[in-house]
Amino acid sequence: MLSEMSNILGSKRVGVYSNWVQWQSIVGSGWTGAQPHQIWYPHYDNWQSFADFQPFGGWTKPSIKQYQGDQTECGTALDRNFY
């Protein structure tokens, strides 16, 4: 399914938003079919670092970490991400 989405979207980036706990409950621990796409994982620990990343789904290195959620800046709600 993800490869079909990539073909439809052409040069636009397609990725997966999950962490290892969510991934196991959604697809199981052994499926790696989404691994060609970048992984964006949430871990609200207030640290701009990938040191906490646990490999899963075939990913050994993340592309993006969401490290803070439910922040407000200039009256706008947002989450903070580390690249």
PDB file of N, CA and C in Angstrom:
ATOM      1  N   MET A   1       0.806  -1.193   0.000  1.00  0.00           N
ATOM      2  CA  MET A   1       0.000   0.000   0.000  1.00  0.00           C
ATOM      3  C   MET A   1       0.854   1.265   0.000  1.00  0.00           C
ATOM      4  N   LEU A   2       1.927   1.289   0.807  1.00  0.00           N
ATOM      5  CA  LEU A   2       2.774   2.481   0.849  1.00  0.00           C
ATOM      6  C   LEU A   2       3.478   2.722  -0.479  1.00  0.00           C
ATOM      7  N   SER A   3       3.890   1.651  -1.170  1.00  0.00           N
ATOM      8  CA  SER A   3       4.538   1.852  -2.466  1.00  0.00           C
ATOM      9  C   SER A   3       3.547   2.403  -3.479  1.00  0.00           C
ATOM     10  N   GLU A   4       2.282   1.985  -3.402  1.00  0.00           N
ATOM     11  CA  GLU A   4       1.252   2.544  -4.274  1.00  0.00           C
ATOM     12  C   GLU A   4       1.068   4.028  -3.997  1.00  0.00           C
ATOM     13  N   MET A   5       1.080   4.411  -2.722  1.00  0.00           N
ATOM     14  CA  MET A   5       0.954   5.825  -2.363  1.00  0.00           C
ATOM     15  C   MET A   5       2.127   6.618  -2.914  1.00  0.00           C
ATOM     16  N   SER A   6       3.327   6.057  -2.828  1.00  0.00           N
ATOM     17  CA  SER A   6       4.510   6.746  -3.352  1.00  0.00           C
ATOM     18  C   SER A   6       4.383   6.971  -4.845  1.00  0.00           C
ATOM     19  N   ASN A   7       3.880   5.977  -5.567  1.00  0.00           N
ATOM     20  CA  ASN A   7       3.697   6.110  -7.010  1.00  0.00           C
ATOM     21  C   ASN A   7       2.675   7.199  -7.326  1.00  0.00           C
ATOM     22  N   ILE A   8       1.609   7.259  -6.554  1.00  0.00           N
ATOM     23  CA  ILE A   8       0.565   8.265  -6.771  1.00  0.00           C
ATOM     24  C   ILE A   8       1.102   9.662  -6.482  1.00  0.00           C
ATOM     25  N   LEU A   9       1.855   9.795  -5.393  1.00  0.00           N
ATOM     26  CA  LEU A   9       2.343  11.106  -4.968  1.00  0.00           C
ATOM     27  C   LEU A   9       3.583  11.562  -5.724  1.00  0.00           C
ATOM     28  N   GLY A  10       4.219  10.674  -6.439  1.00  0.00           N
ATOM     29  CA  GLY A  10       5.402  11.039  -7.208  1.00  0.00           C
ATOM     30  C   GLY A  10       6.558  11.436  -6.308  1.00  0.00           C
ATOM     31  N   SER A  11       7.043  12.652  -6.439  1.00  0.00           N
ATOM     32  CA  SER A  11       8.236  13.077  -5.709  1.00  0.00           C
ATOM     33  C   SER A  11       7.947  13.512  -4.277  1.00  0.00           C
ATOM     34  N   LYS A  12       6.694  13.553  -3.870  1.00  0.00           N
ATOM     35  CA  LYS A  12       6.391  13.955  -2.487  1.00  0.00           C
ATOM     36  C   LYS A  12       6.848  12.873  -1.530  1.00  0.00           C
ATOM     37  N   ARG A  13       7.257  13.276  -0.361  1.00  0.00           N
ATOM     38  CA  ARG A  13       7.750  12.334   0.630  1.00  0.00           C
ATOM     39  C   ARG A  13       6.591  11.627   1.325  1.00  0.00           C
ATOM     40  N   VAL A  14       6.752  10.351   1.523  1.00  0.00           N
ATOM     41  CA  VAL A  14       5.789   9.538   2.249  1.00  0.00           C
ATOM     42  C   VAL A  14       6.531   8.906   3.409  1.00  0.00           C
ATOM     43  N   GLY A  15       5.924   8.907   4.584  1.00  0.00           N
ATOM     44  CA  GLY A  15       6.560   8.318   5.737  1.00  0.00           C
ATOM     45  C   GLY A  15       5.544   7.686   6.657  1.00  0.00           C
ATOM     46  N   VAL A  16       6.046   7.162   7.743  1.00  0.00           N
ATOM     47  CA  VAL A  16       5.230   6.491   8.736  1.00  0.00           C
ATOM     48  C   VAL A  16       5.414   7.199  10.063  1.00  0.00           C
ATOM     49  N   TYR A  17       4.298   7.428  10.782  1.00  0.00           N
ATOM     50  CA  TYR A  17       4.327   8.020  12.112  1.00  0.00           C
ATOM     51  C   TYR A  17       3.929   6.930  13.103  1.00  0.00           C
ATOM     52  N   SER A  18       4.888   6.479  13.899  1.00  0.00           N
ATOM     53  CA  SER A  18       4.616   5.423  14.867  1.00  0.00           C
ATOM     54  C   SER A  18       5.803   5.312  15.811  1.00  0.00           C
ATOM     55  N   ASN A  19       5.613   4.576  16.898  1.00  0.00           N
ATOM     56  CA  ASN A  19       6.737   4.161  17.727  1.00  0.00           C
ATOM     57  C   ASN A  19       6.670   2.645  17.855  1.00  0.00           C
ATOM     58  N   TRP A  20       7.629   2.031  18.523  1.00  0.00           N
ATOM     59  CA  TRP A  20       7.715   0.573  18.516  1.00  0.00           C
ATOM     60  C   TRP A  20       6.532  -0.077  19.215  1.00  0.00           C
ATOM     61  N   VAL A  21       5.964   0.572  20.238  1.00  0.00           N
ATOM     62  CA  VAL A  21       4.807   0.004  20.941  1.00  0.00           C
ATOM     63  C   VAL A  21       3.579   0.025  20.032  1.00  0.00           C
ATOM     64  N   GLN A  22       3.316   1.166  19.400  1.00  0.00           N
ATOM     65  CA  GLN A  22       2.181   1.268  18.479  1.00  0.00           C
ATOM     66  C   GLN A  22       2.342   0.281  17.326  1.00  0.00           C
ATOM     67  N   TRP A  23       3.549   0.197  16.787  1.00  0.00           N
ATOM     68  CA  TRP A  23       3.814  -0.647  15.628  1.00  0.00           C
ATOM     69  C   TRP A  23       3.470  -2.102  15.919  1.00  0.00           C
ATOM     70  N   GLN A  24       3.887  -2.583  17.073  1.00  0.00           N
ATOM     71  CA  GLN A  24       3.614  -3.976  17.422  1.00  0.00           C
ATOM     72  C   GLN A  24       2.118  -4.241  17.539  1.00  0.00           C
ATOM     73  N   SER A  25       1.379  -3.318  18.111  1.00  0.00           N
ATOM     74  CA  SER A  25      -0.058  -3.544  18.272  1.00  0.00           C
ATOM     75  C   SER A  25      -0.821  -3.393  16.952  1.00  0.00           C
ATOM     76  N   ILE A  26      -0.282  -2.661  15.985  1.00  0.00           N
ATOM     77  CA  ILE A  26      -0.960  -2.449  14.712  1.00  0.00           C
ATOM     78  C   ILE A  26      -0.629  -3.547  13.704  1.00  0.00           C
ATOM     79  N   VAL A  27       0.654  -3.830  13.496  1.00  0.00           N
ATOM     80  CA  VAL A  27       1.054  -4.790  12.448  1.00  0.00           C
ATOM     81  C   VAL A  27       1.847  -5.990  12.959  1.00  0.00           C
ATOM     82  N   GLY A  28       2.206  -6.007  14.224  1.00  0.00           N
ATOM     83  CA  GLY A  28       3.037  -7.085  14.755  1.00  0.00           C
ATOM     84  C   GLY A  28       4.503  -6.715  14.673  1.00  0.00           C
ATOM     85  N   SER A  29       5.317  -7.469  15.348  1.00  0.00           N
ATOM     86  CA  SER A  29       6.735  -7.101  15.444  1.00  0.00           C
ATOM     87  C   SER A  29       7.566  -7.517  14.237  1.00  0.00           C
ATOM     88  N   GLY A  30       7.095  -8.433  13.411  1.00  0.00           N
ATOM     89  CA  GLY A  30       7.925  -8.941  12.329  1.00  0.00           C
ATOM     90  C   GLY A  30       7.761  -8.284  10.974  1.00  0.00           C
ATOM     91  N   TRP A  31       6.727  -7.464  10.772  1.00  0.00           N
ATOM     92  CA  TRP A  31       6.489  -6.893   9.443  1.00  0.00           C
ATOM     93  C   TRP A  31       7.420  -5.723   9.181  1.00  0.00           C
ATOM     94  N   THR A  32       8.106  -5.726   8.026  1.00  0.00           N
ATOM     95  CA  THR A  32       9.058  -4.667   7.678  1.00  0.00           C
ATOM     96  C   THR A  32       8.733  -4.020   6.332  1.00  0.00           C
ATOM     97  N   GLY A  33       7.527  -4.191   5.835  1.00  0.00           N
ATOM     98  CA  GLY A  33       7.157  -3.714   4.514  1.00  0.00           C
ATOM     99  C   GLY A  33       7.173  -2.215   4.316  1.00  0.00           C
ATOM    100  N   ALA A  34       7.124  -1.442   5.385  1.00  0.00           N
ATOM    101  CA  ALA A  34       7.149   0.020   5.265  1.00  0.00           C
ATOM    102  C   ALA A  34       8.554   0.588   5.410  1.00  0.00           C
ATOM    103  N   GLN A  35       9.524  -0.244   5.662  1.00  0.00           N
ATOM    104  CA  GLN A  35      10.897   0.187   5.954  1.00  0.00           C
ATOM    105  C   GLN A  35      11.523   1.071   4.881  1.00  0.00           C
ATOM    106  N   PRO A  36      11.179   0.954   3.600  1.00  0.00           N
ATOM    107  CA  PRO A  36      11.787   1.863   2.626  1.00  0.00           C
ATOM    108  C   PRO A  36      11.411   3.336   2.841  1.00  0.00           C
ATOM    109  N   HIS A  37      10.405   3.592   3.643  1.00  0.00           N
ATOM    110  CA  HIS A  37       9.952   4.963   3.891  1.00  0.00           C
ATOM    111  C   HIS A  37      10.509   5.467   5.221  1.00  0.00           C
ATOM    112  N   GLN A  38      10.577   6.768   5.364  1.00  0.00           N
ATOM    113  CA  GLN A  38      11.125   7.346   6.590  1.00  0.00           C
ATOM    114  C   GLN A  38      10.187   7.112   7.772  1.00  0.00           C
ATOM    115  N   ILE A  39      10.765   7.032   8.960  1.00  0.00           N
ATOM    116  CA  ILE A  39       9.978   6.861  10.183  1.00  0.00           C
ATOM    117  C   ILE A  39      10.045   8.140  11.017  1.00  0.00           C
ATOM    118  N   TRP A  40       8.884   8.554  11.498  1.00  0.00           N
ATOM    119  CA  TRP A  40       8.720   9.719  12.368  1.00  0.00           C
ATOM    120  C   TRP A  40       8.089   9.183  13.636  1.00  0.00           C
ATOM    121  N   TYR A  41       8.790   9.282  14.749  1.00  0.00           N
ATOM    122  CA  TYR A  41       8.288   8.665  15.973  1.00  0.00           C
ATOM    123  C   TYR A  41       8.076   9.687  17.076  1.00  0.00           C
ATOM    124  N   PRO A  42       7.040   9.494  17.904  1.00  0.00           N
ATOM    125  CA  PRO A  42       6.802  10.364  19.041  1.00  0.00           C
ATOM    126  C   PRO A  42       7.459   9.813  20.303  1.00  0.00           C
ATOM    127  N   HIS A  43       8.118  10.673  21.036  1.00  0.00           N
ATOM    128  CA  HIS A  43       8.593  10.377  22.390  1.00  0.00           C
ATOM    129  C   HIS A  43       8.746  11.717  23.091  1.00  0.00           C
ATOM    130  N   TYR A  44       7.766  12.058  23.892  1.00  0.00           N
ATOM    131  CA  TYR A  44       7.709  13.372  24.528  1.00  0.00           C
ATOM    132  C   TYR A  44       8.609  13.431  25.760  1.00  0.00           C
ATOM    133  N   ASP A  45       9.896  13.493  25.511  1.00  0.00           N
ATOM    134  CA  ASP A  45      10.884  13.545  26.592  1.00  0.00           C
ATOM    135  C   ASP A  45      11.620  14.887  26.651  1.00  0.00           C
ATOM    136  N   ASN A  46      11.223  15.833  25.813  1.00  0.00           N
ATOM    137  CA  ASN A  46      11.812  17.178  25.761  1.00  0.00           C
ATOM    138  C   ASN A  46      13.270  17.199  25.319  1.00  0.00           C
ATOM    139  N   TRP A  47      13.756  16.122  24.696  1.00  0.00           N
ATOM    140  CA  TRP A  47      15.139  16.049  24.228  1.00  0.00           C
ATOM    141  C   TRP A  47      15.191  16.019  22.712  1.00  0.00           C
ATOM    142  N   GLN A  48      15.978  16.910  22.134  1.00  0.00           N
ATOM    143  CA  GLN A  48      16.200  16.922  20.687  1.00  0.00           C
ATOM    144  C   GLN A  48      17.347  15.978  20.366  1.00  0.00           C
ATOM    145  N   SER A  49      17.033  14.695  20.392  1.00  0.00           N
ATOM    146  CA  SER A  49      18.049  13.664  20.189  1.00  0.00           C
ATOM    147  C   SER A  49      17.367  12.375  19.730  1.00  0.00           C
ATOM    148  N   PHE A  50      18.074  11.579  18.924  1.00  0.00           N
ATOM    149  CA  PHE A  50      17.581  10.268  18.514  1.00  0.00           C
ATOM    150  C   PHE A  50      18.147   9.153  19.401  1.00  0.00           C
ATOM    151  N   ALA A  51      18.846   9.504  20.476  1.00  0.00           N
ATOM    152  CA  ALA A  51      19.505   8.510  21.318  1.00  0.00           C
ATOM    153  C   ALA A  51      18.527   7.509  21.936  1.00  0.00           C
ATOM    154  N   ASP A  52      17.267   7.879  22.067  1.00  0.00           N
ATOM    155  CA  ASP A  52      16.268   7.010  22.678  1.00  0.00           C
ATOM    156  C   ASP A  52      15.577   6.069  21.681  1.00  0.00           C
ATOM    157  N   PHE A  53      15.900   6.176  20.406  1.00  0.00           N
ATOM    158  CA  PHE A  53      15.212   5.390  19.382  1.00  0.00           C
ATOM    159  C   PHE A  53      15.480   3.898  19.535  1.00  0.00           C
ATOM    160  N   GLN A  54      14.412   3.108  19.527  1.00  0.00           N
ATOM    161  CA  GLN A  54      14.508   1.649  19.542  1.00  0.00           C
ATOM    162  C   GLN A  54      14.177   1.138  18.152  1.00  0.00           C
ATOM    163  N   PRO A  55      15.060   0.409  17.507  1.00  0.00           N
ATOM    164  CA  PRO A  55      14.771  -0.112  16.171  1.00  0.00           C
ATOM    165  C   PRO A  55      13.506  -0.975  16.170  1.00  0.00           C
ATOM    166  N   PHE A  56      12.729  -0.839  15.108  1.00  0.00           N
ATOM    167  CA  PHE A  56      11.522  -1.644  14.915  1.00  0.00           C
ATOM    168  C   PHE A  56      11.119  -1.563  13.456  1.00  0.00           C
ATOM    169  N   GLY A  57      10.328  -2.520  13.013  1.00  0.00           N
ATOM    170  CA  GLY A  57       9.779  -2.504  11.660  1.00  0.00           C
ATOM    171  C   GLY A  57      10.807  -2.456  10.540  1.00  0.00           C
ATOM    172  N   GLY A  58      12.058  -2.791  10.845  1.00  0.00           N
ATOM    173  CA  GLY A  58      13.126  -2.716   9.852  1.00  0.00           C
ATOM    174  C   GLY A  58      13.884  -1.401   9.882  1.00  0.00           C
ATOM    175  N   TRP A  59      13.400  -0.417  10.636  1.00  0.00           N
ATOM    176  CA  TRP A  59      14.101   0.867  10.737  1.00  0.00           C
ATOM    177  C   TRP A  59      15.191   0.759  11.791  1.00  0.00           C
ATOM    178  N   THR A  60      16.365   1.221  11.462  1.00  0.00           N
ATOM    179  CA  THR A  60      17.478   1.255  12.417  1.00  0.00           C
ATOM    180  C   THR A  60      17.817   2.683  12.810  1.00  0.00           C
ATOM    181  N   LYS A  61      17.275   3.644  12.057  1.00  0.00           N
ATOM    182  CA  LYS A  61      17.565   5.064  12.285  1.00  0.00           C
ATOM    183  C   LYS A  61      16.323   5.864  11.889  1.00  0.00           C
ATOM    184  N   PRO A  62      15.881   6.797  12.728  1.00  0.00           N
ATOM    185  CA  PRO A  62      14.698   7.593  12.413  1.00  0.00           C
ATOM    186  C   PRO A  62      15.031   8.806  11.552  1.00  0.00           C
ATOM    187  N   SER A  63      13.992   9.398  10.995  1.00  0.00           N
ATOM    188  CA  SER A  63      14.137  10.653  10.254  1.00  0.00           C
ATOM    189  C   SER A  63      13.692  11.842  11.081  1.00  0.00           C
ATOM    190  N   ILE A  64      12.638  11.640  11.885  1.00  0.00           N
ATOM    191  CA  ILE A  64      12.066  12.729  12.677  1.00  0.00           C
ATOM    192  C   ILE A  64      11.623  12.189  14.027  1.00  0.00           C
ATOM    193  N   LYS A  65      11.815  12.985  15.061  1.00  0.00           N
ATOM    194  CA  LYS A  65      11.309  12.669  16.397  1.00  0.00           C
ATOM    195  C   LYS A  65      10.406  13.805  16.856  1.00  0.00           C
ATOM    196  N   GLN A  66       9.226  13.464  17.329  1.00  0.00           N
ATOM    197  CA  GLN A  66       8.349  14.453  17.946  1.00  0.00           C
ATOM    198  C   GLN A  66       8.665  14.421  19.446  1.00  0.00           C
ATOM    199  N   TYR A  67       9.304  15.459  19.951  1.00  0.00           N
ATOM    200  CA  TYR A  67       9.814  15.431  21.320  1.00  0.00           C
ATOM    201  C   TYR A  67       8.993  16.247  22.316  1.00  0.00           C
ATOM    202  N   GLN A  68       8.088  17.089  21.850  1.00  0.00           N
ATOM    203  CA  GLN A  68       7.178  17.822  22.730  1.00  0.00           C
ATOM    204  C   GLN A  68       5.818  17.902  22.063  1.00  0.00           C
ATOM    205  N   GLY A  69       4.784  17.694  22.850  1.00  0.00           N
ATOM    206  CA  GLY A  69       3.432  17.799  22.317  1.00  0.00           C
ATOM    207  C   GLY A  69       2.640  18.859  23.054  1.00  0.00           C
ATOM    208  N   ASP A  70       1.564  19.276  22.433  1.00  0.00           N
ATOM    209  CA  ASP A  70       0.618  20.218  23.044  1.00  0.00           C
ATOM    210  C   ASP A  70       1.279  21.496  23.553  1.00  0.00           C
ATOM    211  N   GLN A  71       2.130  22.089  22.745  1.00  0.00           N
ATOM    212  CA  GLN A  71       2.759  23.366  23.063  1.00  0.00           C
ATOM    213  C   GLN A  71       1.929  24.498  22.466  1.00  0.00           C
ATOM    214  N   THR A  72       2.052  25.685  23.022  1.00  0.00           N
ATOM    215  CA  THR A  72       1.359  26.848  22.472  1.00  0.00           C
ATOM    216  C   THR A  72       2.376  27.936  22.209  1.00  0.00           C
ATOM    217  N   GLU A  73       2.341  28.477  21.015  1.00  0.00           N
ATOM    218  CA  GLU A  73       3.225  29.572  20.642  1.00  0.00           C
ATOM    219  C   GLU A  73       2.424  30.576  19.826  1.00  0.00           C
ATOM    220  N   CYS A  74       2.440  31.813  20.254  1.00  0.00           N
ATOM    221  CA  CYS A  74       1.687  32.873  19.577  1.00  0.00           C
ATOM    222  C   CYS A  74       0.213  32.496  19.421  1.00  0.00           C
ATOM    223  N   GLY A  75      -0.336  31.833  20.433  1.00  0.00           N
ATOM    224  CA  GLY A  75      -1.736  31.459  20.404  1.00  0.00           C
ATOM    225  C   GLY A  75      -2.068  30.270  19.513  1.00  0.00           C
ATOM    226  N   THR A  76      -1.047  29.579  19.032  1.00  0.00           N
ATOM    227  CA  THR A  76      -1.269  28.428  18.149  1.00  0.00           C
ATOM    228  C   THR A  76      -0.768  27.156  18.817  1.00  0.00           C
ATOM    229  N   ALA A  77      -1.594  26.113  18.802  1.00  0.00           N
ATOM    230  CA  ALA A  77      -1.197  24.818  19.365  1.00  0.00           C
ATOM    231  C   ALA A  77      -0.283  24.109  18.370  1.00  0.00           C
ATOM    232  N   LEU A  78       0.791  23.515  18.875  1.00  0.00           N
ATOM    233  CA  LEU A  78       1.732  22.805  18.005  1.00  0.00           C
ATOM    234  C   LEU A  78       2.487  21.736  18.766  1.00  0.00           C
ATOM    235  N   ASP A  79       3.090  20.831  18.019  1.00  0.00           N
ATOM    236  CA  ASP A  79       4.023  19.832  18.559  1.00  0.00           C
ATOM    237  C   ASP A  79       5.404  20.183  18.010  1.00  0.00           C
ATOM    238  N   ARG A  80       6.436  19.891  18.773  1.00  0.00           N
ATOM    239  CA  ARG A  80       7.800  20.188  18.346  1.00  0.00           C
ATOM    240  C   ARG A  80       8.489  18.917  17.857  1.00  0.00           C
ATOM    241  N   ASN A  81       9.232  19.067  16.763  1.00  0.00           N
ATOM    242  CA  ASN A  81       9.904  17.935  16.135  1.00  0.00           C
ATOM    243  C   ASN A  81      11.391  18.196  15.976  1.00  0.00           C
ATOM    244  N   PHE A  82      12.155  17.127  15.995  1.00  0.00           N
ATOM    245  CA  PHE A  82      13.600  17.166  15.807  1.00  0.00           C
ATOM    246  C   PHE A  82      13.936  16.394  14.542  1.00  0.00           C
ATOM    247  N   TYR A  83      14.771  16.993  13.689  1.00  0.00           N
ATOM    248  CA  TYR A  83      15.165  16.370  12.415  1.00  0.00           C
ATOM    249  C   TYR A  83      16.625  16.015  12.458  1.00  0.00           C
TER     250      TYR A  83
END
